[in-house]
Amino acid sequence: VDIDVNHLNLEDIKELVCQLVQRNNQLKKQKRARVHRQMDRDSPVSIFERSRLVPSYLTAKRPLPKRT
């Protein structure tokens, strides 16, 4: 986005922030969807598990060492 910052008024700034936030949310959704597709391929994971943010140990390819 190429804008002369010196000539911005409050409304313009609000508009820009709105656009940025929406774009950011779209990207987050896409990223999340990608993670879940990957998980589907690796292992069947319950809807409940995937409704939370996916912890790294669920997507880890190698088995984690057992905690002692």
N, C-alpha and C. Protein backbone atom coordinates (compact mmCIF):
# COMPACT_ATOMS: atom_id res chain seq x y z
N VAL A 1 0.86 -1.19 0.00
CA VAL A 1 0.00 0.00 0.00
C VAL A 1 0.89 1.22 0.00
N ASP A 2 0.73 2.04 -1.03
CA ASP A 2 1.60 3.21 -1.17
C ASP A 2 0.77 4.47 -0.96
N ILE A 3 0.94 5.13 0.18
CA ILE A 3 0.13 6.29 0.51
C ILE A 3 1.02 7.35 1.14
N ASP A 4 0.72 8.62 0.81
CA ASP A 4 1.46 9.71 1.44
C ASP A 4 0.92 9.90 2.86
N VAL A 5 1.70 9.52 3.82
CA VAL A 5 1.24 9.51 5.21
C VAL A 5 0.87 10.90 5.71
N ASN A 6 1.49 11.92 5.15
CA ASN A 6 1.25 13.28 5.64
C ASN A 6 -0.18 13.75 5.39
N HIS A 7 -0.85 13.15 4.41
CA HIS A 7 -2.19 13.63 4.06
C HIS A 7 -3.29 12.71 4.54
N LEU A 8 -2.99 11.84 5.48
CA LEU A 8 -4.03 10.94 6.00
C LEU A 8 -4.88 11.65 7.04
N ASN A 9 -6.19 11.43 6.96
CA ASN A 9 -7.03 11.87 8.07
C ASN A 9 -7.50 10.65 8.83
N LEU A 10 -8.22 10.87 9.91
CA LEU A 10 -8.59 9.78 10.81
C LEU A 10 -9.41 8.70 10.10
N GLU A 11 -10.34 9.13 9.25
CA GLU A 11 -11.20 8.16 8.55
C GLU A 11 -10.36 7.24 7.67
N ASP A 12 -9.40 7.83 6.96
CA ASP A 12 -8.53 7.02 6.09
C ASP A 12 -7.79 5.98 6.92
N ILE A 13 -7.30 6.42 8.06
CA ILE A 13 -6.53 5.50 8.91
C ILE A 13 -7.42 4.36 9.39
N LYS A 14 -8.64 4.70 9.82
CA LYS A 14 -9.57 3.65 10.26
C LYS A 14 -9.80 2.66 9.14
N GLU A 15 -10.03 3.19 7.94
CA GLU A 15 -10.29 2.33 6.78
C GLU A 15 -9.11 1.39 6.52
N LEU A 16 -7.91 1.94 6.55
CA LEU A 16 -6.71 1.14 6.31
C LEU A 16 -6.56 0.04 7.36
N VAL A 17 -6.77 0.41 8.61
CA VAL A 17 -6.63 -0.58 9.68
C VAL A 17 -7.63 -1.70 9.48
N CYS A 18 -8.87 -1.33 9.14
CA CYS A 18 -9.90 -2.35 8.89
C CYS A 18 -9.44 -3.32 7.80
N GLN A 19 -8.93 -2.78 6.71
CA GLN A 19 -8.48 -3.62 5.60
C GLN A 19 -7.36 -4.56 6.06
N LEU A 20 -6.41 -4.00 6.81
CA LEU A 20 -5.30 -4.82 7.27
C LEU A 20 -5.78 -5.95 8.17
N VAL A 21 -6.68 -5.61 9.09
CA VAL A 21 -7.18 -6.62 10.02
C VAL A 21 -7.89 -7.73 9.27
N GLN A 22 -8.74 -7.35 8.30
CA GLN A 22 -9.47 -8.36 7.53
C GLN A 22 -8.50 -9.27 6.78
N ARG A 23 -7.52 -8.65 6.14
CA ARG A 23 -6.54 -9.43 5.38
C ARG A 23 -5.80 -10.40 6.31
N ASN A 24 -5.41 -9.89 7.46
CA ASN A 24 -4.69 -10.70 8.44
C ASN A 24 -5.54 -11.91 8.86
N ASN A 25 -6.81 -11.66 9.11
CA ASN A 25 -7.71 -12.74 9.52
C ASN A 25 -7.84 -13.79 8.43
N GLN A 26 -7.95 -13.34 7.18
CA GLN A 26 -8.03 -14.28 6.06
C GLN A 26 -6.80 -15.17 6.04
N LEU A 27 -5.64 -14.56 6.17
CA LEU A 27 -4.40 -15.32 6.13
C LEU A 27 -4.35 -16.34 7.26
N LYS A 28 -4.78 -15.91 8.45
CA LYS A 28 -4.79 -16.83 9.59
C LYS A 28 -5.67 -18.03 9.29
N LYS A 29 -6.86 -17.76 8.74
CA LYS A 29 -7.79 -18.86 8.44
C LYS A 29 -7.16 -19.82 7.44
N GLN A 30 -6.55 -19.27 6.39
CA GLN A 30 -5.93 -20.13 5.37
C GLN A 30 -4.86 -21.01 6.01
N LYS A 31 -4.05 -20.38 6.86
CA LYS A 31 -2.95 -21.11 7.49
C LYS A 31 -3.51 -22.26 8.33
N ARG A 32 -4.56 -21.94 9.09
CA ARG A 32 -5.15 -22.96 9.95
C ARG A 32 -5.69 -24.11 9.12
N ALA A 33 -6.35 -23.78 8.02
CA ALA A 33 -6.93 -24.82 7.15
C ALA A 33 -5.81 -25.72 6.62
N ARG A 34 -4.68 -25.11 6.26
CA ARG A 34 -3.56 -25.90 5.74
C ARG A 34 -3.08 -26.88 6.80
N VAL A 35 -2.93 -26.40 8.03
CA VAL A 35 -2.47 -27.26 9.12
C VAL A 35 -3.39 -28.46 9.27
N HIS A 36 -4.71 -28.22 9.19
CA HIS A 36 -5.66 -29.30 9.40
C HIS A 36 -5.66 -30.30 8.26
N ARG A 37 -5.48 -29.81 7.03
CA ARG A 37 -5.39 -30.74 5.90
C ARG A 37 -4.18 -31.65 6.10
N GLN A 38 -3.08 -31.06 6.54
CA GLN A 38 -1.86 -31.83 6.78
C GLN A 38 -2.13 -32.88 7.85
N MET A 39 -2.83 -32.47 8.91
CA MET A 39 -3.12 -33.40 10.00
C MET A 39 -4.00 -34.55 9.52
N ASP A 40 -4.97 -34.24 8.67
CA ASP A 40 -5.84 -35.28 8.13
C ASP A 40 -5.01 -36.33 7.41
N ARG A 41 -4.00 -35.87 6.68
CA ARG A 41 -3.17 -36.80 5.93
C ARG A 41 -2.36 -37.67 6.89
N ASP A 42 -1.83 -37.05 7.94
CA ASP A 42 -0.94 -37.77 8.85
C ASP A 42 -1.71 -38.72 9.77
N SER A 43 -2.79 -38.25 10.34
CA SER A 43 -3.52 -39.08 11.29
C SER A 43 -4.92 -38.53 11.46
N PRO A 44 -5.88 -39.41 11.68
CA PRO A 44 -7.22 -38.91 11.94
C PRO A 44 -7.26 -38.27 13.32
N VAL A 45 -7.57 -36.99 13.36
CA VAL A 45 -7.60 -36.28 14.64
C VAL A 45 -9.02 -35.81 14.88
N SER A 46 -9.49 -35.97 16.09
CA SER A 46 -10.88 -35.63 16.38
C SER A 46 -11.16 -34.14 16.16
N ILE A 47 -12.41 -33.84 15.90
CA ILE A 47 -12.82 -32.45 15.71
C ILE A 47 -12.45 -31.65 16.95
N PHE A 48 -12.61 -32.27 18.11
CA PHE A 48 -12.31 -31.56 19.36
C PHE A 48 -10.84 -31.13 19.39
N GLU A 49 -9.95 -32.04 19.02
CA GLU A 49 -8.53 -31.71 19.06
C GLU A 49 -8.22 -30.56 18.13
N ARG A 50 -8.85 -30.59 16.95
CA ARG A 50 -8.46 -29.59 15.97
C ARG A 50 -9.14 -28.26 16.22
N SER A 51 -10.17 -28.24 17.07
CA SER A 51 -10.84 -26.96 17.32
C SER A 51 -9.94 -26.05 18.15
N ARG A 52 -9.02 -26.65 18.90
CA ARG A 52 -8.05 -25.82 19.62
C ARG A 52 -6.89 -25.58 18.67
N LEU A 53 -6.01 -24.66 19.03
CA LEU A 53 -4.82 -24.49 18.20
C LEU A 53 -3.99 -25.75 18.33
N VAL A 54 -3.46 -26.21 17.23
CA VAL A 54 -2.82 -27.51 17.21
C VAL A 54 -1.46 -27.46 17.90
N PRO A 55 -1.31 -28.20 18.99
CA PRO A 55 0.01 -28.22 19.63
C PRO A 55 1.01 -28.95 18.75
N SER A 56 2.27 -28.59 18.86
CA SER A 56 3.27 -29.12 17.93
C SER A 56 3.43 -30.62 18.06
N TYR A 57 3.16 -31.17 19.24
CA TYR A 57 3.40 -32.61 19.38
C TYR A 57 2.41 -33.44 18.57
N LEU A 58 1.28 -32.84 18.20
CA LEU A 58 0.32 -33.59 17.38
C LEU A 58 0.77 -33.66 15.92
N THR A 59 1.53 -32.65 15.50
CA THR A 59 1.94 -32.63 14.10
C THR A 59 3.37 -33.14 13.94
N ALA A 60 4.02 -33.47 15.06
CA ALA A 60 5.41 -33.93 14.99
C ALA A 60 5.47 -35.25 14.24
N LYS A 61 6.44 -35.38 13.35
CA LYS A 61 6.55 -36.60 12.55
C LYS A 61 7.20 -37.73 13.35
N ARG A 62 8.18 -37.39 14.17
CA ARG A 62 8.88 -38.44 14.92
C ARG A 62 8.22 -38.60 16.28
N PRO A 63 8.23 -39.81 16.82
CA PRO A 63 7.67 -39.99 18.15
C PRO A 63 8.50 -39.23 19.17
N LEU A 64 7.82 -38.59 20.11
CA LEU A 64 8.55 -37.85 21.13
C LEU A 64 9.09 -38.82 22.17
N PRO A 65 10.23 -38.50 22.78
CA PRO A 65 10.76 -39.37 23.82
C PRO A 65 9.79 -39.43 24.99
N LYS A 66 9.68 -40.56 25.60
CA LYS A 66 8.74 -40.70 26.72
C LYS A 66 9.21 -39.89 27.91
N ARG A 67 8.29 -39.21 28.56
CA ARG A 67 8.65 -38.45 29.75
C ARG A 67 8.87 -39.42 30.89
N THR A 68 9.93 -39.18 31.69
CA THR A 68 10.17 -40.10 32.81
C THR A 68 9.90 -39.40 34.13
